N, C-alpha and C. Protein backbone atom coordinates (compact mmCIF):
# COMPACT_ATOMS: atom_id res chain seq x y z
N ASN A 1 -10.09 17.32 -10.21
CA ASN A 1 -11.50 17.11 -10.36
C ASN A 1 -12.19 17.42 -9.04
N PRO A 2 -13.02 18.42 -8.98
CA PRO A 2 -13.64 18.82 -7.71
C PRO A 2 -14.65 17.82 -7.15
N THR A 3 -15.14 16.90 -7.96
CA THR A 3 -16.11 15.91 -7.46
C THR A 3 -15.50 14.52 -7.28
N ALA A 4 -14.21 14.38 -7.47
CA ALA A 4 -13.57 13.06 -7.45
C ALA A 4 -13.79 12.33 -6.11
N ALA A 5 -13.58 13.00 -5.00
CA ALA A 5 -13.73 12.34 -3.69
C ALA A 5 -15.16 11.86 -3.49
N ASN A 6 -16.11 12.72 -3.76
CA ASN A 6 -17.52 12.35 -3.60
C ASN A 6 -17.90 11.22 -4.56
N ASP A 7 -17.41 11.29 -5.77
CA ASP A 7 -17.70 10.23 -6.74
C ASP A 7 -17.17 8.88 -6.25
N LYS A 8 -16.01 8.88 -5.63
CA LYS A 8 -15.43 7.64 -5.11
C LYS A 8 -16.26 7.08 -3.96
N ILE A 9 -16.71 7.94 -3.07
CA ILE A 9 -17.56 7.51 -1.95
C ILE A 9 -18.86 6.90 -2.47
N ILE A 10 -19.48 7.54 -3.43
CA ILE A 10 -20.71 7.01 -4.02
C ILE A 10 -20.44 5.63 -4.62
N TRP A 11 -19.33 5.49 -5.33
CA TRP A 11 -18.99 4.20 -5.94
C TRP A 11 -18.78 3.13 -4.89
N VAL A 12 -18.04 3.45 -3.84
CA VAL A 12 -17.78 2.48 -2.76
C VAL A 12 -19.09 2.03 -2.13
N LYS A 13 -19.97 2.97 -1.83
CA LYS A 13 -21.27 2.62 -1.22
C LYS A 13 -22.10 1.73 -2.14
N ARG A 14 -21.96 1.93 -3.41
CA ARG A 14 -22.76 1.16 -4.37
C ARG A 14 -22.22 -0.24 -4.61
N PHE A 15 -20.89 -0.40 -4.64
CA PHE A 15 -20.32 -1.65 -5.12
C PHE A 15 -19.56 -2.49 -4.09
N LEU A 16 -19.09 -1.90 -3.00
CA LEU A 16 -18.29 -2.67 -2.06
C LEU A 16 -19.09 -3.06 -0.83
N PRO A 17 -18.69 -4.14 -0.16
CA PRO A 17 -19.40 -4.60 1.03
C PRO A 17 -19.31 -3.59 2.18
N GLU A 18 -20.15 -3.80 3.16
CA GLU A 18 -20.25 -2.89 4.31
C GLU A 18 -18.90 -2.65 4.99
N TYR A 19 -18.10 -3.71 5.19
CA TYR A 19 -16.83 -3.53 5.89
C TYR A 19 -15.92 -2.56 5.15
N ALA A 20 -16.00 -2.50 3.85
CA ALA A 20 -15.16 -1.58 3.08
C ALA A 20 -15.67 -0.15 3.20
N ARG A 21 -16.96 0.02 3.28
CA ARG A 21 -17.56 1.36 3.33
C ARG A 21 -17.15 2.14 4.56
N LYS A 22 -16.91 1.45 5.64
CA LYS A 22 -16.58 2.11 6.89
C LYS A 22 -15.08 2.36 7.05
N ARG A 23 -14.29 2.01 6.04
CA ARG A 23 -12.84 2.12 6.15
C ARG A 23 -12.20 2.89 5.00
N VAL A 24 -12.95 3.74 4.36
CA VAL A 24 -12.45 4.48 3.20
C VAL A 24 -11.69 5.71 3.64
N ILE A 25 -10.50 5.89 3.09
CA ILE A 25 -9.71 7.09 3.28
C ILE A 25 -9.32 7.59 1.89
N ILE A 26 -9.59 8.85 1.62
CA ILE A 26 -9.24 9.42 0.33
C ILE A 26 -8.17 10.47 0.57
N SER A 27 -7.03 10.28 -0.09
CA SER A 27 -5.91 11.19 0.09
C SER A 27 -5.06 11.22 -1.17
N HIS A 28 -4.52 12.38 -1.47
CA HIS A 28 -3.60 12.49 -2.60
C HIS A 28 -2.26 11.84 -2.26
N ASN A 29 -1.83 11.94 -1.00
CA ASN A 29 -0.56 11.36 -0.54
C ASN A 29 -0.84 10.01 0.11
N LYS A 30 -0.92 9.00 -0.68
CA LYS A 30 -1.39 7.70 -0.22
C LYS A 30 -0.47 7.03 0.79
N ASN A 31 0.82 7.31 0.72
CA ASN A 31 1.75 6.68 1.66
C ASN A 31 1.61 7.24 3.08
N LEU A 32 0.87 8.32 3.26
CA LEU A 32 0.66 8.88 4.59
C LEU A 32 -0.47 8.17 5.32
N ASN A 33 -1.25 7.38 4.62
CA ASN A 33 -2.35 6.65 5.24
C ASN A 33 -1.83 5.40 5.94
N ALA A 34 -2.49 5.04 7.01
CA ALA A 34 -2.17 3.80 7.71
C ALA A 34 -3.34 2.85 7.51
N GLY A 35 -3.05 1.66 7.10
CA GLY A 35 -4.11 0.68 6.90
C GLY A 35 -3.56 -0.61 6.36
N ASP A 36 -4.44 -1.55 6.19
CA ASP A 36 -4.03 -2.86 5.69
C ASP A 36 -3.98 -2.91 4.18
N TYR A 37 -4.90 -2.20 3.51
CA TYR A 37 -5.01 -2.27 2.06
C TYR A 37 -5.18 -0.90 1.44
N LEU A 38 -4.59 -0.73 0.27
CA LEU A 38 -4.79 0.44 -0.56
C LEU A 38 -5.18 -0.06 -1.94
N ILE A 39 -6.34 0.37 -2.42
CA ILE A 39 -6.77 0.02 -3.77
C ILE A 39 -6.51 1.23 -4.64
N ASP A 40 -5.66 1.06 -5.64
CA ASP A 40 -5.33 2.16 -6.54
C ASP A 40 -4.89 1.59 -7.87
N ASP A 41 -5.07 2.39 -8.91
CA ASP A 41 -4.75 1.91 -10.25
C ASP A 41 -3.37 2.34 -10.74
N ASN A 42 -2.58 2.95 -9.87
CA ASN A 42 -1.22 3.33 -10.28
C ASN A 42 -0.28 3.33 -9.09
N LEU A 43 0.98 3.61 -9.34
CA LEU A 43 2.00 3.63 -8.28
C LEU A 43 2.40 5.04 -7.89
N ARG A 44 1.76 6.04 -8.46
CA ARG A 44 2.12 7.43 -8.15
C ARG A 44 1.55 7.88 -6.81
N ASN A 45 1.97 9.07 -6.42
CA ASN A 45 1.45 9.74 -5.22
C ASN A 45 1.60 8.90 -3.95
N GLY A 46 2.65 8.12 -3.88
CA GLY A 46 2.95 7.36 -2.68
C GLY A 46 2.33 5.98 -2.63
N ALA A 47 1.57 5.58 -3.64
CA ALA A 47 0.96 4.24 -3.61
C ALA A 47 2.04 3.16 -3.54
N ASP A 48 3.17 3.40 -4.20
CA ASP A 48 4.25 2.42 -4.19
C ASP A 48 4.99 2.37 -2.86
N LYS A 49 4.74 3.35 -1.98
CA LYS A 49 5.39 3.40 -0.66
C LYS A 49 4.41 3.09 0.48
N PHE A 50 3.19 2.72 0.15
CA PHE A 50 2.17 2.40 1.15
C PHE A 50 2.64 1.22 2.00
N ALA A 51 2.51 1.32 3.30
CA ALA A 51 3.04 0.30 4.21
C ALA A 51 2.25 -1.01 4.19
N GLY A 52 0.98 -0.96 3.85
CA GLY A 52 0.17 -2.18 3.80
C GLY A 52 0.24 -2.82 2.43
N LYS A 53 -0.78 -3.58 2.09
CA LYS A 53 -0.87 -4.26 0.79
C LYS A 53 -1.47 -3.31 -0.23
N HIS A 54 -0.70 -3.03 -1.28
CA HIS A 54 -1.22 -2.22 -2.38
C HIS A 54 -1.93 -3.15 -3.35
N ILE A 55 -3.24 -3.01 -3.44
CA ILE A 55 -4.04 -3.75 -4.40
C ILE A 55 -4.04 -2.91 -5.66
N HIS A 56 -3.21 -3.31 -6.59
CA HIS A 56 -2.99 -2.52 -7.81
C HIS A 56 -4.06 -2.89 -8.85
N PHE A 57 -5.14 -2.10 -8.86
CA PHE A 57 -6.24 -2.35 -9.78
C PHE A 57 -5.75 -2.31 -11.23
N GLY A 58 -6.16 -3.31 -12.01
CA GLY A 58 -5.75 -3.37 -13.41
C GLY A 58 -4.46 -4.14 -13.64
N SER A 59 -3.82 -4.58 -12.54
CA SER A 59 -2.58 -5.35 -12.67
C SER A 59 -2.91 -6.80 -12.99
N GLU A 60 -1.89 -7.59 -13.26
CA GLU A 60 -2.09 -9.01 -13.53
C GLU A 60 -2.72 -9.72 -12.33
N GLU A 61 -2.28 -9.34 -11.11
CA GLU A 61 -2.82 -9.96 -9.90
C GLU A 61 -4.26 -9.52 -9.62
N PHE A 62 -4.58 -8.26 -9.90
CA PHE A 62 -5.91 -7.71 -9.63
C PHE A 62 -6.47 -7.03 -10.88
N PRO A 63 -6.87 -7.82 -11.88
CA PRO A 63 -7.29 -7.22 -13.15
C PRO A 63 -8.65 -6.54 -13.12
N ASP A 64 -9.50 -6.90 -12.12
CA ASP A 64 -10.86 -6.35 -12.09
C ASP A 64 -11.39 -6.34 -10.66
N TRP A 65 -12.57 -5.75 -10.49
CA TRP A 65 -13.15 -5.63 -9.15
C TRP A 65 -13.57 -6.98 -8.58
N LYS A 66 -13.98 -7.87 -9.43
CA LYS A 66 -14.37 -9.21 -8.96
C LYS A 66 -13.20 -9.88 -8.24
N THR A 67 -12.02 -9.77 -8.81
CA THR A 67 -10.81 -10.34 -8.21
C THR A 67 -10.49 -9.67 -6.88
N ILE A 68 -10.64 -8.35 -6.83
CA ILE A 68 -10.35 -7.60 -5.60
C ILE A 68 -11.32 -7.98 -4.49
N ILE A 69 -12.60 -8.04 -4.80
CA ILE A 69 -13.59 -8.39 -3.78
C ILE A 69 -13.37 -9.81 -3.29
N LYS A 70 -13.04 -10.73 -4.18
CA LYS A 70 -12.75 -12.11 -3.76
C LYS A 70 -11.54 -12.12 -2.82
N PHE A 71 -10.49 -11.37 -3.16
CA PHE A 71 -9.31 -11.28 -2.30
C PHE A 71 -9.68 -10.73 -0.91
N LEU A 72 -10.44 -9.64 -0.89
CA LEU A 72 -10.82 -9.03 0.39
C LEU A 72 -11.72 -9.96 1.20
N ASP A 73 -12.66 -10.63 0.56
CA ASP A 73 -13.53 -11.57 1.27
C ASP A 73 -12.73 -12.67 1.95
N ASN A 74 -11.63 -13.08 1.33
CA ASN A 74 -10.80 -14.15 1.89
C ASN A 74 -9.76 -13.66 2.89
N ASN A 75 -9.56 -12.34 2.99
CA ASN A 75 -8.48 -11.82 3.84
C ASN A 75 -8.92 -10.82 4.89
N VAL A 76 -10.15 -10.44 4.92
CA VAL A 76 -10.62 -9.45 5.90
C VAL A 76 -11.44 -10.15 6.96
């Protein structure tokens, strides 16, 4: 999808707090990124090998964005 990266940035700016907006990295090879958190909806493309905390969107632990934002507010 040629607009996927831009669409994600627009979404982050619209829905996530300021601290998240300044720390966005978009990459197909997610395990190559260095950081504390990775928010992704699957384990492919290195998400399962990410060195920090993989926030698995849609999982039992993180079923929705409200849960993710609450987690980040308490841990960032």
